[in-house]
Amino acid sequence: MTTTIAGENILRYWRNGANLTQAQFAMAMGVPLRTYEDLENGKAAVRPVHEAAACWALVKLAAENPLKMGFLPPEIQAVVKSLQGG
């Protein structure tokens, strides 16, 4: 499982930062809610494909709602800003 420096599940960290429910983030990532729940709760391993899906979900959500930008990881903020022409 990929974690933050504090040891928190990276998906939970990103989801909470964006103020999303598990269902909202699962939908944005394109995975079933049950799969997302298992990933976040450590019942299934978070693999690079899950992290990539989460990153692109955050990009899409941030492009739709710029107010969520402050909670994005810096590398994702840079992608969103470039897509917005900034």
PDB file of N, CA and C in Angstrom:
ATOM      1  N   MET A   1       0.843  -1.176   0.000  1.00  0.00           N
ATOM      2  CA  MET A   1       0.000   0.000   0.000  1.00  0.00           C
ATOM      3  C   MET A   1       0.886   1.236   0.000  1.00  0.00           C
ATOM      4  N   THR A   2       0.542   2.172  -0.848  1.00  0.00           N
ATOM      5  CA  THR A   2       1.256   3.438  -0.862  1.00  0.00           C
ATOM      6  C   THR A   2       0.678   4.326   0.220  1.00  0.00           C
ATOM      7  N   THR A   3       1.578   4.968   0.958  1.00  0.00           N
ATOM      8  CA  THR A   3       1.144   5.795   2.076  1.00  0.00           C
ATOM      9  C   THR A   3       1.777   7.174   2.001  1.00  0.00           C
ATOM     10  N   THR A   4       1.234   8.073   2.797  1.00  0.00           N
ATOM     11  CA  THR A   4       1.819   9.399   2.954  1.00  0.00           C
ATOM     12  C   THR A   4       2.978   9.285   3.940  1.00  0.00           C
ATOM     13  N   ILE A   5       3.657  10.377   4.174  1.00  0.00           N
ATOM     14  CA  ILE A   5       4.763  10.385   5.136  1.00  0.00           C
ATOM     15  C   ILE A   5       4.269   9.947   6.509  1.00  0.00           C
ATOM     16  N   ALA A   6       3.038  10.336   6.854  1.00  0.00           N
ATOM     17  CA  ALA A   6       2.474   9.989   8.165  1.00  0.00           C
ATOM     18  C   ALA A   6       1.933   8.562   8.199  1.00  0.00           C
ATOM     19  N   GLY A   7       2.041   7.829   7.093  1.00  0.00           N
ATOM     20  CA  GLY A   7       1.593   6.443   7.063  1.00  0.00           C
ATOM     21  C   GLY A   7       0.145   6.260   6.679  1.00  0.00           C
ATOM     22  N   GLU A   8      -0.528   7.341   6.272  1.00  0.00           N
ATOM     23  CA  GLU A   8      -1.927   7.249   5.871  1.00  0.00           C
ATOM     24  C   GLU A   8      -2.032   6.730   4.439  1.00  0.00           C
ATOM     25  N   ASN A   9      -3.050   5.946   4.163  1.00  0.00           N
ATOM     26  CA  ASN A   9      -3.302   5.455   2.813  1.00  0.00           C
ATOM     27  C   ASN A   9      -3.395   6.653   1.867  1.00  0.00           C
ATOM     28  N   ILE A  10      -2.649   6.615   0.767  1.00  0.00           N
ATOM     29  CA  ILE A  10      -2.571   7.753  -0.148  1.00  0.00           C
ATOM     30  C   ILE A  10      -3.925   8.075  -0.768  1.00  0.00           C
ATOM     31  N   LEU A  11      -4.728   7.058  -1.065  1.00  0.00           N
ATOM     32  CA  LEU A  11      -6.042   7.317  -1.647  1.00  0.00           C
ATOM     33  C   LEU A  11      -6.940   8.043  -0.651  1.00  0.00           C
ATOM     34  N   ARG A  12      -6.923   7.610   0.589  1.00  0.00           N
ATOM     35  CA  ARG A  12      -7.722   8.274   1.629  1.00  0.00           C
ATOM     36  C   ARG A  12      -7.254   9.714   1.810  1.00  0.00           C
ATOM     37  N   TYR A  13      -5.939   9.909   1.812  1.00  0.00           N
ATOM     38  CA  TYR A  13      -5.366  11.238   1.973  1.00  0.00           C
ATOM     39  C   TYR A  13      -5.837  12.171   0.858  1.00  0.00           C
ATOM     40  N   TRP A  14      -5.739  11.710  -0.384  1.00  0.00           N
ATOM     41  CA  TRP A  14      -6.167  12.528  -1.520  1.00  0.00           C
ATOM     42  C   TRP A  14      -7.669  12.765  -1.478  1.00  0.00           C
ATOM     43  N   ARG A  15      -8.444  11.726  -1.167  1.00  0.00           N
ATOM     44  CA  ARG A  15      -9.905  11.845  -1.126  1.00  0.00           C
ATOM     45  C   ARG A  15     -10.334  12.843  -0.056  1.00  0.00           C
ATOM     46  N   ASN A  16      -9.777  12.710   1.138  1.00  0.00           N
ATOM     47  CA  ASN A  16     -10.128  13.639   2.221  1.00  0.00           C
ATOM     48  C   ASN A  16      -9.707  15.065   1.881  1.00  0.00           C
ATOM     49  N   GLY A  17      -8.557  15.213   1.271  1.00  0.00           N
ATOM     50  CA  GLY A  17      -8.087  16.541   0.877  1.00  0.00           C
ATOM     51  C   GLY A  17      -9.009  17.214  -0.119  1.00  0.00           C
ATOM     52  N   ALA A  18      -9.610  16.423  -0.985  1.00  0.00           N
ATOM     53  CA  ALA A  18     -10.533  16.952  -1.984  1.00  0.00           C
ATOM     54  C   ALA A  18     -11.965  17.022  -1.460  1.00  0.00           C
ATOM     55  N   ASN A  19     -12.153  16.611  -0.207  1.00  0.00           N
ATOM     56  CA  ASN A  19     -13.469  16.648   0.437  1.00  0.00           C
ATOM     57  C   ASN A  19     -14.507  15.840  -0.346  1.00  0.00           C
ATOM     58  N   LEU A  20     -14.133  14.609  -0.694  1.00  0.00           N
ATOM     59  CA  LEU A  20     -15.005  13.719  -1.446  1.00  0.00           C
ATOM     60  C   LEU A  20     -15.399  12.519  -0.598  1.00  0.00           C
ATOM     61  N   THR A  21     -16.557  11.957  -0.899  1.00  0.00           N
ATOM     62  CA  THR A  21     -16.938  10.695  -0.278  1.00  0.00           C
ATOM     63  C   THR A  21     -16.226   9.568  -1.008  1.00  0.00           C
ATOM     64  N   GLN A  22     -16.230   8.397  -0.400  1.00  0.00           N
ATOM     65  CA  GLN A  22     -15.647   7.240  -1.084  1.00  0.00           C
ATOM     66  C   GLN A  22     -16.371   6.986  -2.393  1.00  0.00           C
ATOM     67  N   ALA A  23     -17.686   7.101  -2.391  1.00  0.00           N
ATOM     68  CA  ALA A  23     -18.473   6.856  -3.608  1.00  0.00           C
ATOM     69  C   ALA A  23     -18.121   7.860  -4.703  1.00  0.00           C
ATOM     70  N   GLN A  24     -17.963   9.121  -4.349  1.00  0.00           N
ATOM     71  CA  GLN A  24     -17.612  10.138  -5.344  1.00  0.00           C
ATOM     72  C   GLN A  24     -16.235   9.874  -5.949  1.00  0.00           C
ATOM     73  N   PHE A  25     -15.279   9.524  -5.087  1.00  0.00           N
ATOM     74  CA  PHE A  25     -13.921   9.293  -5.590  1.00  0.00           C
ATOM     75  C   PHE A  25     -13.857   8.012  -6.409  1.00  0.00           C
ATOM     76  N   ALA A  26     -14.555   6.983  -5.971  1.00  0.00           N
ATOM     77  CA  ALA A  26     -14.591   5.731  -6.741  1.00  0.00           C
ATOM     78  C   ALA A  26     -15.156   5.990  -8.127  1.00  0.00           C
ATOM     79  N   MET A  27     -16.251   6.744  -8.201  1.00  0.00           N
ATOM     80  CA  MET A  27     -16.864   7.040  -9.497  1.00  0.00           C
ATOM     81  C   MET A  27     -15.900   7.818 -10.383  1.00  0.00           C
ATOM     82  N   ALA A  28     -15.239   8.821  -9.803  1.00  0.00           N
ATOM     83  CA  ALA A  28     -14.292   9.630 -10.570  1.00  0.00           C
ATOM     84  C   ALA A  28     -13.114   8.800 -11.064  1.00  0.00           C
ATOM     85  N   MET A  29     -12.712   7.796 -10.266  1.00  0.00           N
ATOM     86  CA  MET A  29     -11.604   6.919 -10.659  1.00  0.00           C
ATOM     87  C   MET A  29     -12.032   5.853 -11.667  1.00  0.00           C
ATOM     88  N   GLY A  30     -13.343   5.601 -11.742  1.00  0.00           N
ATOM     89  CA  GLY A  30     -13.834   4.572 -12.649  1.00  0.00           C
ATOM     90  C   GLY A  30     -13.745   3.175 -12.070  1.00  0.00           C
ATOM     91  N   VAL A  31     -13.837   3.065 -10.756  1.00  0.00           N
ATOM     92  CA  VAL A  31     -13.809   1.749 -10.103  1.00  0.00           C
ATOM     93  C   VAL A  31     -15.080   1.574  -9.281  1.00  0.00           C
ATOM     94  N   PRO A  32     -15.514   0.333  -9.092  1.00  0.00           N
ATOM     95  CA  PRO A  32     -16.676   0.102  -8.235  1.00  0.00           C
ATOM     96  C   PRO A  32     -16.398   0.565  -6.807  1.00  0.00           C
ATOM     97  N   LEU A  33     -17.450   0.995  -6.122  1.00  0.00           N
ATOM     98  CA  LEU A  33     -17.305   1.459  -4.749  1.00  0.00           C
ATOM     99  C   LEU A  33     -16.659   0.394  -3.875  1.00  0.00           C
ATOM    100  N   ARG A  34     -17.085  -0.845  -4.010  1.00  0.00           N
ATOM    101  CA  ARG A  34     -16.535  -1.934  -3.186  1.00  0.00           C
ATOM    102  C   ARG A  34     -15.023  -2.071  -3.401  1.00  0.00           C
ATOM    103  N   THR A  35     -14.587  -1.956  -4.635  1.00  0.00           N
ATOM    104  CA  THR A  35     -13.151  -2.022  -4.939  1.00  0.00           C
ATOM    105  C   THR A  35     -12.420  -0.873  -4.253  1.00  0.00           C
ATOM    106  N   TYR A  36     -12.996   0.330  -4.357  1.00  0.00           N
ATOM    107  CA  TYR A  36     -12.364   1.478  -3.723  1.00  0.00           C
ATOM    108  C   TYR A  36     -12.286   1.294  -2.216  1.00  0.00           C
ATOM    109  N   GLU A  37     -13.363   0.848  -1.618  1.00  0.00           N
ATOM    110  CA  GLU A  37     -13.374   0.617  -0.166  1.00  0.00           C
ATOM    111  C   GLU A  37     -12.274  -0.360   0.235  1.00  0.00           C
ATOM    112  N   ASP A  38     -12.118  -1.431  -0.538  1.00  0.00           N
ATOM    113  CA  ASP A  38     -11.069  -2.413  -0.244  1.00  0.00           C
ATOM    114  C   ASP A  38      -9.681  -1.797  -0.377  1.00  0.00           C
ATOM    115  N   LEU A  39      -9.482  -0.944  -1.369  1.00  0.00           N
ATOM    116  CA  LEU A  39      -8.185  -0.285  -1.549  1.00  0.00           C
ATOM    117  C   LEU A  39      -7.878   0.650  -0.384  1.00  0.00           C
ATOM    118  N   GLU A  40      -8.860   1.428  -0.006  1.00  0.00           N
ATOM    119  CA  GLU A  40      -8.634   2.399   1.054  1.00  0.00           C
ATOM    120  C   GLU A  40      -8.472   1.739   2.418  1.00  0.00           C
ATOM    121  N   ASN A  41      -9.150   0.637   2.632  1.00  0.00           N
ATOM    122  CA  ASN A  41      -9.093  -0.041   3.926  1.00  0.00           C
ATOM    123  C   ASN A  41      -7.985  -1.079   4.021  1.00  0.00           C
ATOM    124  N   GLY A  42      -7.179  -1.210   2.977  1.00  0.00           N
ATOM    125  CA  GLY A  42      -6.053  -2.128   3.008  1.00  0.00           C
ATOM    126  C   GLY A  42      -6.395  -3.578   2.734  1.00  0.00           C
ATOM    127  N   LYS A  43      -7.615  -3.847   2.293  1.00  0.00           N
ATOM    128  CA  LYS A  43      -8.001  -5.228   1.972  1.00  0.00           C
ATOM    129  C   LYS A  43      -7.495  -5.633   0.598  1.00  0.00           C
ATOM    130  N   ALA A  44      -7.166  -4.639  -0.225  1.00  0.00           N
ATOM    131  CA  ALA A  44      -6.573  -4.871  -1.542  1.00  0.00           C
ATOM    132  C   ALA A  44      -5.392  -3.912  -1.670  1.00  0.00           C
ATOM    133  N   ALA A  45      -4.376  -4.349  -2.374  1.00  0.00           N
ATOM    134  CA  ALA A  45      -3.171  -3.535  -2.538  1.00  0.00           C
ATOM    135  C   ALA A  45      -3.416  -2.380  -3.502  1.00  0.00           C
ATOM    136  N   VAL A  46      -2.944  -1.205  -3.114  1.00  0.00           N
ATOM    137  CA  VAL A  46      -2.987  -0.051  -4.005  1.00  0.00           C
ATOM    138  C   VAL A  46      -1.807  -0.211  -4.968  1.00  0.00           C
ATOM    139  N   ARG A  47      -2.125  -0.380  -6.234  1.00  0.00           N
ATOM    140  CA  ARG A  47      -1.090  -0.571  -7.261  1.00  0.00           C
ATOM    141  C   ARG A  47      -0.926   0.721  -8.058  1.00  0.00           C
ATOM    142  N   PRO A  48       0.121   0.795  -8.854  1.00  0.00           N
ATOM    143  CA  PRO A  48       0.336   2.005  -9.655  1.00  0.00           C
ATOM    144  C   PRO A  48      -0.868   2.380 -10.518  1.00  0.00           C
ATOM    145  N   VAL A  49      -1.600   1.415 -11.024  1.00  0.00           N
ATOM    146  CA  VAL A  49      -2.774   1.723 -11.846  1.00  0.00           C
ATOM    147  C   VAL A  49      -3.841   2.442 -11.021  1.00  0.00           C
ATOM    148  N   HIS A  50      -3.962   2.096  -9.756  1.00  0.00           N
ATOM    149  CA  HIS A  50      -4.931   2.775  -8.887  1.00  0.00           C
ATOM    150  C   HIS A  50      -4.489   4.208  -8.605  1.00  0.00           C
ATOM    151  N   GLU A  51      -3.206   4.373  -8.354  1.00  0.00           N
ATOM    152  CA  GLU A  51      -2.690   5.720  -8.116  1.00  0.00           C
ATOM    153  C   GLU A  51      -2.867   6.589  -9.352  1.00  0.00           C
ATOM    154  N   ALA A  52      -2.621   6.028 -10.524  1.00  0.00           N
ATOM    155  CA  ALA A  52      -2.789   6.787 -11.765  1.00  0.00           C
ATOM    156  C   ALA A  52      -4.253   7.176 -11.961  1.00  0.00           C
ATOM    157  N   ALA A  53      -5.163   6.239 -11.705  1.00  0.00           N
ATOM    158  CA  ALA A  53      -6.592   6.537 -11.831  1.00  0.00           C
ATOM    159  C   ALA A  53      -6.994   7.629 -10.850  1.00  0.00           C
ATOM    160  N   ALA A  54      -6.461   7.577  -9.640  1.00  0.00           N
ATOM    161  CA  ALA A  54      -6.769   8.588  -8.637  1.00  0.00           C
ATOM    162  C   ALA A  54      -6.223   9.956  -9.056  1.00  0.00           C
ATOM    163  N   CYS A  55      -5.016   9.974  -9.564  1.00  0.00           N
ATOM    164  CA  CYS A  55      -4.417  11.241 -10.008  1.00  0.00           C
ATOM    165  C   CYS A  55      -5.245  11.877 -11.116  1.00  0.00           C
ATOM    166  N   TRP A  56      -5.625  11.090 -12.099  1.00  0.00           N
ATOM    167  CA  TRP A  56      -6.409  11.648 -13.204  1.00  0.00           C
ATOM    168  C   TRP A  56      -7.807  12.030 -12.754  1.00  0.00           C
ATOM    169  N   ALA A  57      -8.365  11.311 -11.794  1.00  0.00           N
ATOM    170  CA  ALA A  57      -9.663  11.695 -11.237  1.00  0.00           C
ATOM    171  C   ALA A  57      -9.541  13.060 -10.563  1.00  0.00           C
ATOM    172  N   LEU A  58      -8.460  13.275  -9.829  1.00  0.00           N
ATOM    173  CA  LEU A  58      -8.242  14.561  -9.165  1.00  0.00           C
ATOM    174  C   LEU A  58      -8.054  15.682 -10.182  1.00  0.00           C
ATOM    175  N   VAL A  59      -7.349  15.386 -11.269  1.00  0.00           N
ATOM    176  CA  VAL A  59      -7.171  16.386 -12.326  1.00  0.00           C
ATOM    177  C   VAL A  59      -8.530  16.775 -12.895  1.00  0.00           C
ATOM    178  N   LYS A  60      -9.337  15.785 -13.211  1.00  0.00           N
ATOM    179  CA  LYS A  60     -10.661  16.045 -13.783  1.00  0.00           C
ATOM    180  C   LYS A  60     -11.524  16.841 -12.802  1.00  0.00           C
ATOM    181  N   LEU A  61     -11.558  16.418 -11.556  1.00  0.00           N
ATOM    182  CA  LEU A  61     -12.372  17.102 -10.552  1.00  0.00           C
ATOM    183  C   LEU A  61     -11.892  18.527 -10.314  1.00  0.00           C
ATOM    184  N   ALA A  62     -10.589  18.725 -10.285  1.00  0.00           N
ATOM    185  CA  ALA A  62     -10.038  20.066 -10.059  1.00  0.00           C
ATOM    186  C   ALA A  62     -10.315  20.975 -11.248  1.00  0.00           C
ATOM    187  N   ALA A  63     -10.290  20.414 -12.450  1.00  0.00           N
ATOM    188  CA  ALA A  63     -10.596  21.219 -13.632  1.00  0.00           C
ATOM    189  C   ALA A  63     -12.053  21.676 -13.606  1.00  0.00           C
ATOM    190  N   GLU A  64     -12.919  20.836 -13.042  1.00  0.00           N
ATOM    191  CA  GLU A  64     -14.336  21.176 -12.940  1.00  0.00           C
ATOM    192  C   GLU A  64     -14.602  22.150 -11.790  1.00  0.00           C
ATOM    193  N   ASN A  65     -13.780  22.092 -10.754  1.00  0.00           N
ATOM    194  CA  ASN A  65     -13.984  22.918  -9.564  1.00  0.00           C
ATOM    195  C   ASN A  65     -12.631  23.399  -9.054  1.00  0.00           C
ATOM    196  N   PRO A  66     -12.156  24.546  -9.525  1.00  0.00           N
ATOM    197  CA  PRO A  66     -10.827  25.043  -9.145  1.00  0.00           C
ATOM    198  C   PRO A  66     -10.638  25.240  -7.643  1.00  0.00           C
ATOM    199  N   LEU A  67     -11.714  25.327  -6.879  1.00  0.00           N
ATOM    200  CA  LEU A  67     -11.574  25.507  -5.431  1.00  0.00           C
ATOM    201  C   LEU A  67     -10.892  24.319  -4.776  1.00  0.00           C
ATOM    202  N   LYS A  68     -10.934  23.154  -5.404  1.00  0.00           N
ATOM    203  CA  LYS A  68     -10.305  21.967  -4.839  1.00  0.00           C
ATOM    204  C   LYS A  68      -8.792  21.917  -5.107  1.00  0.00           C
ATOM    205  N   MET A  69      -8.276  22.856  -5.869  1.00  0.00           N
ATOM    206  CA  MET A  69      -6.865  22.845  -6.260  1.00  0.00           C
ATOM    207  C   MET A  69      -5.904  22.844  -5.075  1.00  0.00           C
ATOM    208  N   GLY A  70      -6.224  23.529  -4.010  1.00  0.00           N
ATOM    209  CA  GLY A  70      -5.316  23.653  -2.882  1.00  0.00           C
ATOM    210  C   GLY A  70      -4.990  22.336  -2.211  1.00  0.00           C
ATOM    211  N   PHE A  71      -5.808  21.331  -2.429  1.00  0.00           N
ATOM    212  CA  PHE A  71      -5.598  20.053  -1.775  1.00  0.00           C
ATOM    213  C   PHE A  71      -4.889  19.036  -2.662  1.00  0.00           C
ATOM    214  N   LEU A  72      -4.565  19.436  -3.878  1.00  0.00           N
ATOM    215  CA  LEU A  72      -3.922  18.505  -4.791  1.00  0.00           C
ATOM    216  C   LEU A  72      -2.424  18.413  -4.530  1.00  0.00           C
ATOM    217  N   PRO A  73      -1.858  17.231  -4.760  1.00  0.00           N
ATOM    218  CA  PRO A  73      -0.397  17.124  -4.707  1.00  0.00           C
ATOM    219  C   PRO A  73       0.210  18.091  -5.735  1.00  0.00           C
ATOM    220  N   PRO A  74       1.368  18.653  -5.463  1.00  0.00           N
ATOM    221  CA  PRO A  74       1.976  19.659  -6.358  1.00  0.00           C
ATOM    222  C   PRO A  74       2.094  19.213  -7.809  1.00  0.00           C
ATOM    223  N   GLU A  75       2.451  17.968  -8.039  1.00  0.00           N
ATOM    224  CA  GLU A  75       2.612  17.523  -9.425  1.00  0.00           C
ATOM    225  C   GLU A  75       1.278  17.487 -10.163  1.00  0.00           C
ATOM    226  N   ILE A  76       0.192  17.243  -9.443  1.00  0.00           N
ATOM    227  CA  ILE A  76      -1.117  17.239 -10.063  1.00  0.00           C
ATOM    228  C   ILE A  76      -1.603  18.677 -10.265  1.00  0.00           C
ATOM    229  N   GLN A  77      -1.294  19.557  -9.325  1.00  0.00           N
ATOM    230  CA  GLN A  77      -1.625  20.975  -9.492  1.00  0.00           C
ATOM    231  C   GLN A  77      -1.005  21.519 -10.773  1.00  0.00           C
ATOM    232  N   ALA A  78       0.239  21.137 -11.023  1.00  0.00           N
ATOM    233  CA  ALA A  78       0.930  21.623 -12.215  1.00  0.00           C
ATOM    234  C   ALA A  78       0.236  21.168 -13.494  1.00  0.00           C
ATOM    235  N   VAL A  79      -0.242  19.927 -13.517  1.00  0.00           N
ATOM    236  CA  VAL A  79      -0.949  19.420 -14.689  1.00  0.00           C
ATOM    237  C   VAL A  79      -2.243  20.189 -14.892  1.00  0.00           C
ATOM    238  N   VAL A  80      -3.006  20.387 -13.821  1.00  0.00           N
ATOM    239  CA  VAL A  80      -4.285  21.120 -13.928  1.00  0.00           C
ATOM    240  C   VAL A  80      -4.047  22.545 -14.397  1.00  0.00           C
ATOM    241  N   LYS A  81      -3.065  23.208 -13.828  1.00  0.00           N
ATOM    242  CA  LYS A  81      -2.780  24.590 -14.238  1.00  0.00           C
ATOM    243  C   LYS A  81      -2.396  24.659 -15.703  1.00  0.00           C
ATOM    244  N   SER A  82      -1.629  23.684 -16.171  1.00  0.00           N
ATOM    245  CA  SER A  82      -1.246  23.704 -17.586  1.00  0.00           C
ATOM    246  C   SER A  82      -2.466  23.468 -18.484  1.00  0.00           C
ATOM    247  N   LEU A  83      -3.413  22.659 -18.035  1.00  0.00           N
ATOM    248  CA  LEU A  83      -4.629  22.406 -18.799  1.00  0.00           C
ATOM    249  C   LEU A  83      -5.530  23.635 -18.822  1.00  0.00           C
ATOM    250  N   GLN A  84      -5.448  24.436 -17.777  1.00  0.00           N
ATOM    251  CA  GLN A  84      -6.265  25.643 -17.684  1.00  0.00           C
ATOM    252  C   GLN A  84      -5.578  26.823 -18.375  1.00  0.00           C
ATOM    253  N   GLY A  85      -4.395  26.580 -18.930  1.00  0.00           N
ATOM    254  CA  GLY A  85      -3.680  27.637 -19.623  1.00  0.00           C
ATOM    255  C   GLY A  85      -2.905  28.571 -18.719  1.00  0.00           C
ATOM    256  N   GLY A  86      -2.634  28.095 -17.484  1.00  0.00           N
ATOM    257  CA  GLY A  86      -1.947  28.978 -16.532  1.00  0.00           C
ATOM    258  C   GLY A  86      -0.628  28.518 -16.110  1.00  0.00           C
TER     259      GLY A  86
END
